[in-house]
Amino acid sequence: MNVSAGGCFPLSKNISLERINYLGELAIWFIFIIPVFAYSLYSWIFTADHTDTLTRYNMRIDAQGVCTVPQHIVRIENGCFKNRKDLKKIVFTGASPELIGEEAFAGSGLESIEIPRPTKVIEKGLFEDCESLVSVNIPGSLLGIRDNAFRNCRSLEEIRLPETVIFIDKWAFSSCYALKSVNIPKSAEQIGDHAFWHCRSLEALSLPDSVAKIEPGVFSYCKSLKEIRLPAALEEIGEEAFVGCEAVTDFNLPDSVKFIGDMAFEDCLALKEVRMPASLMSLGNLVFCDCFSLQSATLPDGTERIGAQAFCDRNPESREPVQYADGHITVYYSGKASGSPWGAKKHVRR
């Protein structure tokens, strides 16, 4: 039997009752159930409530530029806030993440941070290119600082490291132009190459006796550096370690130093005096090039190698490649190393 709707159209020719029920159920799914499911899925992915990891998708920055890390978070992923210029401050109220990933804040607008106490290592590039960063509070749990961690933090003026730090890796504080004060704790055993490269406001440093080698370029172009205490057990000064330190006037090398690398003191324009220890075995190439305030150098007779042009000056009229000429320094040395006068004005046997 056919049933008419309003006497107009017979249902048998259009839509059956079963089809009407099916379409009704489908409408309920699309109108109610699917949106609820979609919202739940969105909340699961884009909020931190379900996970112990803070990610670039579930972190939140308020209108004042503050991110408050939820209490249950134990990890912040690599690059979480990378290049987020709207981030000004991070707050760990009740949160104690054990790991803050590499480059988590790199390139962000971060201005201050108190690193939570469980942190043992500041990871690679964590604050690299944070040019507005002015305040960092480092916890007593810290053991080390990885490569490029604070590289190019141009507003950072002071760093206080706890007496737990064992290593500072390469380029860690390079190009921190405003950095005036940093303490190297007695616990430190290794400072990586170029760690303080171009820290041009740094005025004084004291290196702990636990450091046996100054790596290449560590303090190169620290133009304001005037005072530096070298470790008592220091054995080696790497190449370009102090190149371009224009303000330092003297180096008192400890009796343990055996090797000085190429260009270690090049362009130390104010350098007037260097005490060479009896332990010195090898002096690299161009070590005292363009040290215009240094008038003489006395080398121990036991020095076995003196690099070519160790005491020379650049020819100011030369273009690329740079040409060198015999310098202005008088060298006092009675040993057996060949190559005299090694770019010096005069070589005098004592």
C-alpha atoms as a PDB file:
ATOM      1  CA  MET A   1       0.000   0.000   0.000  1.00  0.00           C
ATOM      2  CA  ASN A   2       1.257   3.473  -0.821  1.00  0.00           C
ATOM      3  CA  VAL A   3       1.055   6.284   1.676  1.00  0.00           C
ATOM      4  CA  SER A   4       0.780   9.843   0.468  1.00  0.00           C
ATOM      5  CA  ALA A   5       2.172  12.840   2.306  1.00  0.00           C
ATOM      6  CA  GLY A   6      -0.346  15.641   2.180  1.00  0.00           C
ATOM      7  CA  GLY A   7      -1.866  13.877  -0.801  1.00  0.00           C
ATOM      8  CA  CYS A   8       0.845  15.245  -3.058  1.00  0.00           C
ATOM      9  CA  PHE A   9       3.642  12.721  -3.630  1.00  0.00           C
ATOM     10  CA  PRO A  10       3.560   8.995  -3.003  1.00  0.00           C
ATOM     11  CA  LEU A  11       6.484   7.923  -0.803  1.00  0.00           C
ATOM     12  CA  SER A  12       7.089   4.815  -2.871  1.00  0.00           C
ATOM     13  CA  LYS A  13       8.303   7.041  -5.676  1.00  0.00           C
ATOM     14  CA  ASN A  14      10.530   9.236  -3.502  1.00  0.00           C
ATOM     15  CA  ILE A  15      11.931   8.326  -0.066  1.00  0.00           C
ATOM     16  CA  SER A  16      11.022   5.294   2.021  1.00  0.00           C
ATOM     17  CA  LEU A  17      10.580   5.458   5.806  1.00  0.00           C
ATOM     18  CA  GLU A  18      13.764   3.442   6.263  1.00  0.00           C
ATOM     19  CA  ARG A  19      15.733   5.988   4.222  1.00  0.00           C
ATOM     20  CA  ILE A  20      14.292   8.829   6.306  1.00  0.00           C
ATOM     21  CA  ASN A  21      15.492   7.152   9.502  1.00  0.00           C
ATOM     22  CA  TYR A  22      18.947   6.597   7.987  1.00  0.00           C
ATOM     23  CA  LEU A  23      19.281  10.241   6.925  1.00  0.00           C
ATOM     24  CA  GLY A  24      18.129  11.364  10.360  1.00  0.00           C
ATOM     25  CA  GLU A  25      20.784   9.304  12.087  1.00  0.00           C
ATOM     26  CA  LEU A  26      23.405  10.598   9.643  1.00  0.00           C
ATOM     27  CA  ALA A  27      22.374  14.166  10.384  1.00  0.00           C
ATOM     28  CA  ILE A  28      22.797  13.570  14.128  1.00  0.00           C
ATOM     29  CA  TRP A  29      26.365  12.288  13.491  1.00  0.00           C
ATOM     30  CA  PHE A  30      27.295  15.318  11.388  1.00  0.00           C
ATOM     31  CA  ILE A  31      25.603  17.900  13.597  1.00  0.00           C
ATOM     32  CA  PHE A  32      26.482  16.593  17.068  1.00  0.00           C
ATOM     33  CA  ILE A  33      28.799  13.601  17.356  1.00  0.00           C
ATOM     34  CA  ILE A  34      31.510  14.396  14.763  1.00  0.00           C
ATOM     35  CA  PRO A  35      32.015  18.013  15.959  1.00  0.00           C
ATOM     36  CA  VAL A  36      32.342  16.798  19.561  1.00  0.00           C
ATOM     37  CA  PHE A  37      34.860  14.162  18.467  1.00  0.00           C
ATOM     38  CA  ALA A  38      36.781  16.704  16.369  1.00  0.00           C
ATOM     39  CA  TYR A  39      36.950  19.145  19.273  1.00  0.00           C
ATOM     40  CA  SER A  40      38.175  16.406  21.600  1.00  0.00           C
ATOM     41  CA  LEU A  41      40.826  15.392  19.078  1.00  0.00           C
ATOM     42  CA  TYR A  42      41.905  19.020  18.672  1.00  0.00           C
ATOM     43  CA  SER A  43      42.127  19.428  22.441  1.00  0.00           C
ATOM     44  CA  TRP A  44      44.181  16.241  22.724  1.00  0.00           C
ATOM     45  CA  ILE A  45      46.659  17.393  20.085  1.00  0.00           C
ATOM     46  CA  PHE A  46      46.857  21.101  20.823  1.00  0.00           C
ATOM     47  CA  THR A  47      46.730  21.263  24.620  1.00  0.00           C
ATOM     48  CA  ALA A  48      49.231  20.057  27.193  1.00  0.00           C
ATOM     49  CA  ASP A  49      46.644  18.387  29.424  1.00  0.00           C
ATOM     50  CA  HIS A  50      47.114  14.888  28.020  1.00  0.00           C
ATOM     51  CA  THR A  51      50.923  14.741  27.807  1.00  0.00           C
ATOM     52  CA  ASP A  52      54.051  15.365  29.885  1.00  0.00           C
ATOM     53  CA  THR A  53      55.772  17.107  26.923  1.00  0.00           C
ATOM     54  CA  LEU A  54      55.375  20.757  26.011  1.00  0.00           C
ATOM     55  CA  THR A  55      55.423  21.229  22.228  1.00  0.00           C
ATOM     56  CA  ARG A  56      55.089  24.086  19.766  1.00  0.00           C
ATOM     57  CA  TYR A  57      51.470  22.988  19.281  1.00  0.00           C
ATOM     58  CA  ASN A  58      50.278  22.888  22.884  1.00  0.00           C
ATOM     59  CA  MET A  59      52.216  25.737  24.485  1.00  0.00           C
ATOM     60  CA  ARG A  60      50.388  28.998  25.193  1.00  0.00           C
ATOM     61  CA  ILE A  61      51.741  32.569  25.312  1.00  0.00           C
ATOM     62  CA  ASP A  62      49.487  35.220  26.867  1.00  0.00           C
ATOM     63  CA  ALA A  63      49.002  38.813  25.747  1.00  0.00           C
ATOM     64  CA  GLN A  64      51.871  39.966  27.991  1.00  0.00           C
ATOM     65  CA  GLY A  65      54.284  37.544  26.334  1.00  0.00           C
ATOM     66  CA  VAL A  66      54.382  35.135  29.300  1.00  0.00           C
ATOM     67  CA  CYS A  67      54.207  31.359  29.026  1.00  0.00           C
ATOM     68  CA  THR A  68      53.397  29.492  32.225  1.00  0.00           C
ATOM     69  CA  VAL A  69      54.508  25.876  32.019  1.00  0.00           C
ATOM     70  CA  PRO A  70      51.909  23.443  33.431  1.00  0.00           C
ATOM     71  CA  GLN A  71      52.939  21.649  36.607  1.00  0.00           C
ATOM     72  CA  HIS A  72      52.852  18.142  35.113  1.00  0.00           C
ATOM     73  CA  ILE A  73      55.259  18.932  32.249  1.00  0.00           C
ATOM     74  CA  VAL A  74      58.582  17.019  32.499  1.00  0.00           C
ATOM     75  CA  ARG A  75      59.977  17.762  29.031  1.00  0.00           C
ATOM     76  CA  ILE A  76      60.062  20.671  26.585  1.00  0.00           C
ATOM     77  CA  GLU A  77      60.614  19.538  23.008  1.00  0.00           C
ATOM     78  CA  ASN A  78      63.380  20.713  20.661  1.00  0.00           C
ATOM     79  CA  GLY A  79      62.572  24.083  19.100  1.00  0.00           C
ATOM     80  CA  CYS A  80      59.378  24.508  21.118  1.00  0.00           C
ATOM     81  CA  PHE A  81      59.519  28.337  21.175  1.00  0.00           C
ATOM     82  CA  LYS A  82      62.004  28.808  18.317  1.00  0.00           C
ATOM     83  CA  ASN A  83      61.676  32.218  16.627  1.00  0.00           C
ATOM     84  CA  ARG A  84      58.617  33.160  18.726  1.00  0.00           C
ATOM     85  CA  LYS A  85      59.300  36.864  19.075  1.00  0.00           C
ATOM     86  CA  ASP A  86      56.115  37.300  21.130  1.00  0.00           C
ATOM     87  CA  LEU A  87      57.619  35.282  24.007  1.00  0.00           C
ATOM     88  CA  LYS A  88      59.068  37.566  26.713  1.00  0.00           C
ATOM     89  CA  LYS A  89      59.144  35.401  29.818  1.00  0.00           C
ATOM     90  CA  ILE A  90      58.789  31.747  30.771  1.00  0.00           C
ATOM     91  CA  VAL A  91      57.454  30.799  34.202  1.00  0.00           C
ATOM     92  CA  PHE A  92      57.877  27.360  35.807  1.00  0.00           C
ATOM     93  CA  THR A  93      55.292  27.716  38.595  1.00  0.00           C
ATOM     94  CA  GLY A  94      55.341  24.293  40.213  1.00  0.00           C
ATOM     95  CA  ALA A  95      56.753  22.729  37.033  1.00  0.00           C
ATOM     96  CA  SER A  96      60.140  20.996  37.105  1.00  0.00           C
ATOM     97  CA  PRO A  97      60.948  19.720  33.601  1.00  0.00           C
ATOM     98  CA  GLU A  98      63.956  17.418  33.593  1.00  0.00           C
ATOM     99  CA  LEU A  99      64.835  18.146  29.956  1.00  0.00           C
ATOM    100  CA  ILE A 100      64.592  21.335  27.938  1.00  0.00           C
ATOM    101  CA  GLY A 101      65.374  20.363  24.339  1.00  0.00           C
ATOM    102  CA  GLU A 102      67.851  21.793  21.859  1.00  0.00           C
ATOM    103  CA  GLU A 103      67.063  25.263  20.483  1.00  0.00           C
ATOM    104  CA  ALA A 104      63.883  25.362  22.557  1.00  0.00           C
ATOM    105  CA  PHE A 105      64.073  29.169  22.879  1.00  0.00           C
ATOM    106  CA  ALA A 106      66.429  29.954  19.960  1.00  0.00           C
ATOM    107  CA  GLY A 107      65.641  33.198  18.167  1.00  0.00           C
ATOM    108  CA  SER A 108      62.744  34.024  20.477  1.00  0.00           C
ATOM    109  CA  GLY A 109      61.992  37.360  22.165  1.00  0.00           C
ATOM    110  CA  LEU A 110      62.741  35.903  25.612  1.00  0.00           C
ATOM    111  CA  GLU A 111      63.948  38.546  28.085  1.00  0.00           C
ATOM    112  CA  SER A 112      64.359  36.591  31.326  1.00  0.00           C
ATOM    113  CA  ILE A 113      64.253  33.026  32.605  1.00  0.00           C
ATOM    114  CA  GLU A 114      64.856  31.101  35.797  1.00  0.00           C
ATOM    115  CA  ILE A 115      66.005  27.657  34.676  1.00  0.00           C
ATOM    116  CA  PRO A 116      64.386  24.972  36.877  1.00  0.00           C
ATOM    117  CA  ARG A 117      66.588  23.090  39.321  1.00  0.00           C
ATOM    118  CA  PRO A 118      66.407  19.546  37.859  1.00  0.00           C
ATOM    119  CA  THR A 119      68.222  20.822  34.739  1.00  0.00           C
ATOM    120  CA  LYS A 120      71.643  19.184  34.445  1.00  0.00           C
ATOM    121  CA  VAL A 121      72.648  20.341  30.955  1.00  0.00           C
ATOM    122  CA  ILE A 122      71.822  23.458  28.953  1.00  0.00           C
ATOM    123  CA  GLU A 123      71.347  21.893  25.525  1.00  0.00           C
ATOM    124  CA  LYS A 124      72.736  22.939  22.130  1.00  0.00           C
ATOM    125  CA  GLY A 125      71.562  26.323  20.937  1.00  0.00           C
ATOM    126  CA  LEU A 126      69.005  26.593  23.721  1.00  0.00           C
ATOM    127  CA  PHE A 127      69.109  30.421  23.836  1.00  0.00           C
ATOM    128  CA  GLU A 128      71.000  31.070  20.586  1.00  0.00           C
ATOM    129  CA  ASP A 129      70.058  34.382  18.934  1.00  0.00           C
ATOM    130  CA  CYS A 130      67.924  35.496  21.902  1.00  0.00           C
ATOM    131  CA  GLU A 131      69.052  39.079  21.377  1.00  0.00           C
ATOM    132  CA  SER A 132      66.708  40.495  24.055  1.00  0.00           C
ATOM    133  CA  LEU A 133      67.758  38.091  26.827  1.00  0.00           C
ATOM    134  CA  VAL A 134      69.098  40.087  29.798  1.00  0.00           C
ATOM    135  CA  SER A 135      68.574  37.831  32.815  1.00  0.00           C
ATOM    136  CA  VAL A 136      69.288  34.112  33.316  1.00  0.00           C
ATOM    137  CA  ASN A 137      69.155  32.383  36.694  1.00  0.00           C
ATOM    138  CA  ILE A 138      71.105  29.098  36.497  1.00  0.00           C
ATOM    139  CA  PRO A 139      70.373  26.331  39.043  1.00  0.00           C
ATOM    140  CA  GLY A 140      72.898  24.573  41.270  1.00  0.00           C
ATOM    141  CA  SER A 141      72.093  21.263  39.568  1.00  0.00           C
ATOM    142  CA  LEU A 142      73.850  22.241  36.316  1.00  0.00           C
ATOM    143  CA  LEU A 143      76.736  20.071  35.062  1.00  0.00           C
ATOM    144  CA  GLY A 144      77.425  21.545  31.649  1.00  0.00           C
ATOM    145  CA  ILE A 145      76.621  23.903  28.771  1.00  0.00           C
ATOM    146  CA  ARG A 146      76.422  22.560  25.203  1.00  0.00           C
ATOM    147  CA  ASP A 147      77.501  24.099  21.874  1.00  0.00           C
ATOM    148  CA  ASN A 148      76.084  27.531  20.971  1.00  0.00           C
ATOM    149  CA  ALA A 149      73.843  27.575  24.056  1.00  0.00           C
ATOM    150  CA  PHE A 150      74.015  31.368  24.520  1.00  0.00           C
ATOM    151  CA  ARG A 151      75.545  32.317  21.179  1.00  0.00           C
ATOM    152  CA  ASN A 152      74.612  35.798  20.008  1.00  0.00           C
ATOM    153  CA  CYS A 153      72.732  36.754  23.188  1.00  0.00           C
ATOM    154  CA  ARG A 154      73.770  40.353  22.634  1.00  0.00           C
ATOM    155  CA  SER A 155      71.995  41.907  25.652  1.00  0.00           C
ATOM    156  CA  LEU A 156      73.250  39.460  28.285  1.00  0.00           C
ATOM    157  CA  GLU A 157      75.626  41.250  30.699  1.00  0.00           C
ATOM    158  CA  GLU A 158      76.319  38.706  33.445  1.00  0.00           C
ATOM    159  CA  ILE A 159      76.426  34.937  33.938  1.00  0.00           C
ATOM    160  CA  ARG A 160      76.821  33.257  37.332  1.00  0.00           C
ATOM    161  CA  LEU A 161      77.726  29.582  37.027  1.00  0.00           C
ATOM    162  CA  PRO A 162      77.380  27.209  40.001  1.00  0.00           C
ATOM    163  CA  GLU A 163      80.294  25.193  41.398  1.00  0.00           C
ATOM    164  CA  THR A 164      78.861  22.072  39.783  1.00  0.00           C
ATOM    165  CA  VAL A 165      79.652  22.910  36.153  1.00  0.00           C
ATOM    166  CA  ILE A 166      82.193  20.533  34.599  1.00  0.00           C
ATOM    167  CA  PHE A 167      82.186  21.577  30.937  1.00  0.00           C
ATOM    168  CA  ILE A 168      81.440  24.541  28.690  1.00  0.00           C
ATOM    169  CA  ASP A 169      81.285  23.467  25.048  1.00  0.00           C
ATOM    170  CA  LYS A 170      82.393  25.288  21.904  1.00  0.00           C
ATOM    171  CA  TRP A 171      80.874  28.634  20.919  1.00  0.00           C
ATOM    172  CA  ALA A 172      78.738  28.544  24.098  1.00  0.00           C
ATOM    173  CA  PHE A 173      78.869  32.314  24.793  1.00  0.00           C
ATOM    174  CA  SER A 174      80.294  33.559  21.492  1.00  0.00           C
ATOM    175  CA  SER A 175      79.184  37.000  20.293  1.00  0.00           C
ATOM    176  CA  CYS A 176      77.666  37.931  23.655  1.00  0.00           C
ATOM    177  CA  TYR A 177      78.724  41.510  23.002  1.00  0.00           C
ATOM    178  CA  ALA A 178      77.421  42.967  26.291  1.00  0.00           C
ATOM    179  CA  LEU A 179      78.780  40.219  28.571  1.00  0.00           C
ATOM    180  CA  LYS A 180      80.951  41.935  31.188  1.00  0.00           C
ATOM    181  CA  SER A 181      81.172  39.346  33.937  1.00  0.00           C
ATOM    182  CA  VAL A 182      81.299  35.556  34.008  1.00  0.00           C
ATOM    183  CA  ASN A 183      82.693  33.256  36.652  1.00  0.00           C
ATOM    184  CA  ILE A 184      84.348  30.001  35.615  1.00  0.00           C
ATOM    185  CA  PRO A 185      83.811  27.648  38.584  1.00  0.00           C
ATOM    186  CA  LYS A 186      86.638  25.614  40.106  1.00  0.00           C
ATOM    187  CA  SER A 187      84.799  22.458  39.055  1.00  0.00           C
ATOM    188  CA  ALA A 188      85.203  23.241  35.329  1.00  0.00           C
ATOM    189  CA  GLU A 189      87.543  20.879  33.488  1.00  0.00           C
ATOM    190  CA  GLN A 190      86.920  21.811  29.865  1.00  0.00           C
ATOM    191  CA  ILE A 191      86.165  25.034  28.006  1.00  0.00           C
ATOM    192  CA  GLY A 192      85.482  24.401  24.308  1.00  0.00           C
ATOM    193  CA  ASP A 193      86.970  26.259  21.372  1.00  0.00           C
ATOM    194  CA  HIS A 194      85.642  29.757  20.701  1.00  0.00           C
ATOM    195  CA  ALA A 195      83.485  29.549  23.839  1.00  0.00           C
ATOM    196  CA  PHE A 196      83.871  33.309  24.516  1.00  0.00           C
ATOM    197  CA  TRP A 197      84.725  34.458  20.986  1.00  0.00           C
ATOM    198  CA  HIS A 198      83.902  38.126  20.421  1.00  0.00           C
ATOM    199  CA  CYS A 199      82.746  38.781  23.999  1.00  0.00           C
ATOM    200  CA  ARG A 200      84.034  42.291  23.489  1.00  0.00           C
ATOM    201  CA  SER A 201      82.820  43.733  26.825  1.00  0.00           C
ATOM    202  CA  LEU A 202      84.433  41.042  28.996  1.00  0.00           C
ATOM    203  CA  GLU A 203      87.052  42.695  31.223  1.00  0.00           C
ATOM    204  CA  ALA A 204      88.459  40.031  33.559  1.00  0.00           C
ATOM    205  CA  LEU A 205      88.628  36.256  33.870  1.00  0.00           C
ATOM    206  CA  SER A 206      90.011  33.711  36.281  1.00  0.00           C
ATOM    207  CA  LEU A 207      90.471  30.190  34.952  1.00  0.00           C
ATOM    208  CA  PRO A 208      90.448  27.298  37.436  1.00  0.00           C
ATOM    209  CA  ASP A 209      93.499  25.088  37.917  1.00  0.00           C
ATOM    210  CA  SER A 210      91.488  22.106  36.666  1.00  0.00           C
ATOM    211  CA  VAL A 211      91.816  23.374  33.071  1.00  0.00           C
ATOM    212  CA  ALA A 212      94.934  21.915  31.406  1.00  0.00           C
ATOM    213  CA  LYS A 213      94.421  23.323  27.907  1.00  0.00           C
ATOM    214  CA  ILE A 214      93.079  26.573  26.530  1.00  0.00           C
ATOM    215  CA  GLU A 215      91.318  25.524  23.330  1.00  0.00           C
ATOM    216  CA  PRO A 216      91.617  27.371  19.984  1.00  0.00           C
ATOM    217  CA  GLY A 217      89.994  30.787  19.789  1.00  0.00           C
ATOM    218  CA  VAL A 218      88.431  30.599  23.263  1.00  0.00           C
ATOM    219  CA  PHE A 219      88.953  34.282  24.094  1.00  0.00           C
ATOM    220  CA  SER A 220      89.696  35.657  20.633  1.00  0.00           C
ATOM    221  CA  TYR A 221      88.575  39.244  20.038  1.00  0.00           C
ATOM    222  CA  CYS A 222      87.687  39.889  23.669  1.00  0.00           C
ATOM    223  CA  LYS A 223      88.737  43.477  23.061  1.00  0.00           C
ATOM    224  CA  SER A 224      88.123  44.757  26.605  1.00  0.00           C
ATOM    225  CA  LEU A 225      89.887  41.910  28.399  1.00  0.00           C
ATOM    226  CA  LYS A 226      92.554  43.382  30.681  1.00  0.00           C
ATOM    227  CA  GLU A 227      93.093  40.772  33.389  1.00  0.00           C
ATOM    228  CA  ILE A 228      93.249  37.013  33.121  1.00  0.00           C
ATOM    229  CA  ARG A 229      94.462  34.456  35.587  1.00  0.00           C
ATOM    230  CA  LEU A 230      95.785  31.323  33.897  1.00  0.00           C
ATOM    231  CA  PRO A 231      95.569  27.852  35.489  1.00  0.00           C
ATOM    232  CA  ALA A 232      98.614  26.831  37.521  1.00  0.00           C
ATOM    233  CA  ALA A 233      98.807  23.463  35.731  1.00  0.00           C
ATOM    234  CA  LEU A 234      98.200  24.792  32.206  1.00  0.00           C
ATOM    235  CA  GLU A 235     100.115  22.832  29.549  1.00  0.00           C
ATOM    236  CA  GLU A 236      98.880  24.127  26.211  1.00  0.00           C
ATOM    237  CA  ILE A 237      97.534  27.350  24.712  1.00  0.00           C
ATOM    238  CA  GLY A 238      95.671  26.652  21.464  1.00  0.00           C
ATOM    239  CA  GLU A 239      95.869  28.551  18.215  1.00  0.00           C
ATOM    240  CA  GLU A 240      94.261  32.002  18.175  1.00  0.00           C
ATOM    241  CA  ALA A 241      93.368  31.602  21.852  1.00  0.00           C
ATOM    242  CA  PHE A 242      93.817  35.321  22.615  1.00  0.00           C
ATOM    243  CA  VAL A 243      94.039  36.845  19.146  1.00  0.00           C
ATOM    244  CA  GLY A 244      92.687  40.402  19.049  1.00  0.00           C
ATOM    245  CA  CYS A 245      92.668  40.909  22.834  1.00  0.00           C
ATOM    246  CA  GLU A 246      93.648  44.537  22.389  1.00  0.00           C
ATOM    247  CA  ALA A 247      93.548  45.669  26.037  1.00  0.00           C
ATOM    248  CA  VAL A 248      95.625  42.997  27.813  1.00  0.00           C
ATOM    249  CA  THR A 249      99.084  44.262  28.814  1.00  0.00           C
ATOM    250  CA  ASP A 250     100.839  41.176  30.184  1.00  0.00           C
ATOM    251  CA  PHE A 251     100.685  37.399  30.346  1.00  0.00           C
ATOM    252  CA  ASN A 252     102.320  35.506  33.177  1.00  0.00           C
ATOM    253  CA  LEU A 253     102.530  32.007  31.744  1.00  0.00           C
ATOM    254  CA  PRO A 254     102.700  29.288  34.409  1.00  0.00           C
ATOM    255  CA  ASP A 255     105.752  27.014  34.637  1.00  0.00           C
ATOM    256  CA  SER A 256     103.783  24.081  33.244  1.00  0.00           C
ATOM    257  CA  VAL A 257     103.158  25.524  29.734  1.00  0.00           C
ATOM    258  CA  LYS A 258     104.780  23.436  26.981  1.00  0.00           C
ATOM    259  CA  PHE A 259     103.001  24.417  23.757  1.00  0.00           C
ATOM    260  CA  ILE A 260     101.725  27.722  22.376  1.00  0.00           C
ATOM    261  CA  GLY A 261      99.737  27.442  19.135  1.00  0.00           C
ATOM    262  CA  ASP A 262      99.765  29.553  15.972  1.00  0.00           C
ATOM    263  CA  MET A 263      98.621  33.165  16.330  1.00  0.00           C
ATOM    264  CA  ALA A 264      97.836  32.656  20.022  1.00  0.00           C
ATOM    265  CA  PHE A 265      98.572  36.310  20.914  1.00  0.00           C
ATOM    266  CA  GLU A 266      98.342  37.940  17.490  1.00  0.00           C
ATOM    267  CA  ASP A 267      97.015  41.535  17.473  1.00  0.00           C
ATOM    268  CA  CYS A 268      97.339  41.949  21.247  1.00  0.00           C
ATOM    269  CA  LEU A 269      98.106  45.605  20.639  1.00  0.00           C
ATOM    270  CA  ALA A 270      98.711  46.658  24.278  1.00  0.00           C
ATOM    271  CA  LEU A 271     100.796  43.609  25.237  1.00  0.00           C
ATOM    272  CA  LYS A 272     104.070  44.777  26.800  1.00  0.00           C
ATOM    273  CA  GLU A 273     105.351  41.752  28.661  1.00  0.00           C
ATOM    274  CA  VAL A 274     105.183  37.964  28.417  1.00  0.00           C
ATOM    275  CA  ARG A 275     106.916  35.701  30.873  1.00  0.00           C
ATOM    276  CA  MET A 276     108.046  32.560  29.050  1.00  0.00           C
ATOM    277  CA  PRO A 277     108.381  29.526  31.341  1.00  0.00           C
ATOM    278  CA  ALA A 278     111.369  27.151  31.279  1.00  0.00           C
ATOM    279  CA  SER A 279     108.954  24.348  30.377  1.00  0.00           C
ATOM    280  CA  LEU A 280     108.174  25.847  26.926  1.00  0.00           C
ATOM    281  CA  MET A 281     108.952  23.388  24.113  1.00  0.00           C
ATOM    282  CA  SER A 282     107.129  24.774  21.077  1.00  0.00           C
ATOM    283  CA  LEU A 283     106.122  28.258  19.910  1.00  0.00           C
ATOM    284  CA  GLY A 284     103.788  28.400  16.908  1.00  0.00           C
ATOM    285  CA  ASN A 285     103.711  30.536  13.799  1.00  0.00           C
ATOM    286  CA  LEU A 286     102.679  34.225  13.986  1.00  0.00           C
ATOM    287  CA  VAL A 287     102.271  33.954  17.771  1.00  0.00           C
ATOM    288  CA  PHE A 288     103.193  37.589  18.498  1.00  0.00           C
ATOM    289  CA  CYS A 289     102.431  39.093  15.089  1.00  0.00           C
ATOM    290  CA  ASP A 290     101.466  42.779  15.301  1.00  0.00           C
ATOM    291  CA  CYS A 291     101.986  42.982  19.067  1.00  0.00           C
ATOM    292  CA  PHE A 292     103.233  46.551  18.650  1.00  0.00           C
ATOM    293  CA  SER A 293     103.764  47.296  22.355  1.00  0.00           C
ATOM    294  CA  LEU A 294     105.953  44.230  22.909  1.00  0.00           C
ATOM    295  CA  GLN A 295     109.603  45.214  22.542  1.00  0.00           C
ATOM    296  CA  SER A 296     111.414  42.038  23.590  1.00  0.00           C
ATOM    297  CA  ALA A 297     110.891  38.358  24.358  1.00  0.00           C
ATOM    298  CA  THR A 298     113.150  35.955  26.204  1.00  0.00           C
ATOM    299  CA  LEU A 299     112.795  32.290  25.319  1.00  0.00           C
ATOM    300  CA  PRO A 300     114.153  29.390  27.374  1.00  0.00           C
ATOM    301  CA  ASP A 301     117.038  27.491  25.777  1.00  0.00           C
ATOM    302  CA  GLY A 302     115.012  24.291  25.955  1.00  0.00           C
ATOM    303  CA  THR A 303     112.490  25.537  23.392  1.00  0.00           C
ATOM    304  CA  GLU A 304     112.816  23.102  20.484  1.00  0.00           C
ATOM    305  CA  ARG A 305     110.610  24.770  17.886  1.00  0.00           C
ATOM    306  CA  ILE A 306     109.939  28.396  17.038  1.00  0.00           C
ATOM    307  CA  GLY A 307     107.414  28.936  14.250  1.00  0.00           C
ATOM    308  CA  ALA A 308     108.081  30.948  11.130  1.00  0.00           C
ATOM    309  CA  GLN A 309     107.231  34.634  11.494  1.00  0.00           C
ATOM    310  CA  ALA A 310     106.485  34.146  15.197  1.00  0.00           C
ATOM    311  CA  PHE A 311     107.506  37.758  15.950  1.00  0.00           C
ATOM    312  CA  CYS A 312     106.738  39.472  12.638  1.00  0.00           C
ATOM    313  CA  ASP A 313     104.566  42.434  11.652  1.00  0.00           C
ATOM    314  CA  ARG A 314     102.149  42.582   8.766  1.00  0.00           C
ATOM    315  CA  ASN A 315     103.120  44.700   5.827  1.00  0.00           C
ATOM    316  CA  PRO A 316     100.531  47.505   6.030  1.00  0.00           C
ATOM    317  CA  GLU A 317     100.759  48.117   2.285  1.00  0.00           C
ATOM    318  CA  SER A 318     100.041  44.534   1.293  1.00  0.00           C
ATOM    319  CA  ARG A 319      96.715  43.297  -0.016  1.00  0.00           C
ATOM    320  CA  GLU A 320      95.379  39.753  -0.127  1.00  0.00           C
ATOM    321  CA  PRO A 321      97.198  37.515   0.398  1.00  0.00           C
ATOM    322  CA  VAL A 322      98.660  39.212   3.488  1.00  0.00           C
ATOM    323  CA  GLN A 323     102.411  39.739   3.393  1.00  0.00           C
ATOM    324  CA  TYR A 324     104.641  39.822   6.451  1.00  0.00           C
ATOM    325  CA  ALA A 325     107.852  41.674   7.273  1.00  0.00           C
ATOM    326  CA  ASP A 326     110.437  41.392  10.009  1.00  0.00           C
ATOM    327  CA  GLY A 327     109.001  43.047  13.079  1.00  0.00           C
ATOM    328  CA  HIS A 328     110.198  45.309  15.878  1.00  0.00           C
ATOM    329  CA  ILE A 329     110.777  42.720  18.637  1.00  0.00           C
ATOM    330  CA  THR A 330     114.193  41.676  19.927  1.00  0.00           C
ATOM    331  CA  VAL A 331     114.362  37.962  20.762  1.00  0.00           C
ATOM    332  CA  TYR A 332     116.771  36.643  23.398  1.00  0.00           C
ATOM    333  CA  TYR A 333     117.382  32.942  22.866  1.00  0.00           C
ATOM    334  CA  SER A 334     120.402  30.611  22.960  1.00  0.00           C
ATOM    335  CA  GLY A 335     118.778  27.289  22.066  1.00  0.00           C
ATOM    336  CA  LYS A 336     118.974  25.123  18.960  1.00  0.00           C
ATOM    337  CA  ALA A 337     115.736  25.943  17.123  1.00  0.00           C
ATOM    338  CA  SER A 338     116.277  26.787  13.470  1.00  0.00           C
ATOM    339  CA  GLY A 339     114.816  29.600  11.382  1.00  0.00           C
ATOM    340  CA  SER A 340     116.313  32.618  13.152  1.00  0.00           C
ATOM    341  CA  PRO A 341     115.227  35.383  13.513  1.00  0.00           C
ATOM    342  CA  TRP A 342     111.617  34.119  13.134  1.00  0.00           C
ATOM    343  CA  GLY A 343     110.326  37.470  11.917  1.00  0.00           C
ATOM    344  CA  ALA A 344     111.924  39.403  14.776  1.00  0.00           C
ATOM    345  CA  LYS A 345     113.900  42.610  14.405  1.00  0.00           C
ATOM    346  CA  LYS A 346     116.921  40.992  16.006  1.00  0.00           C
ATOM    347  CA  HIS A 347     117.952  37.671  17.533  1.00  0.00           C
ATOM    348  CA  VAL A 348     120.400  37.929  20.429  1.00  0.00           C
ATOM    349  CA  ARG A 349     122.110  34.939  21.986  1.00  0.00           C
ATOM    350  CA  ARG A 350     122.478  35.368  25.696  1.00  0.00           C
END
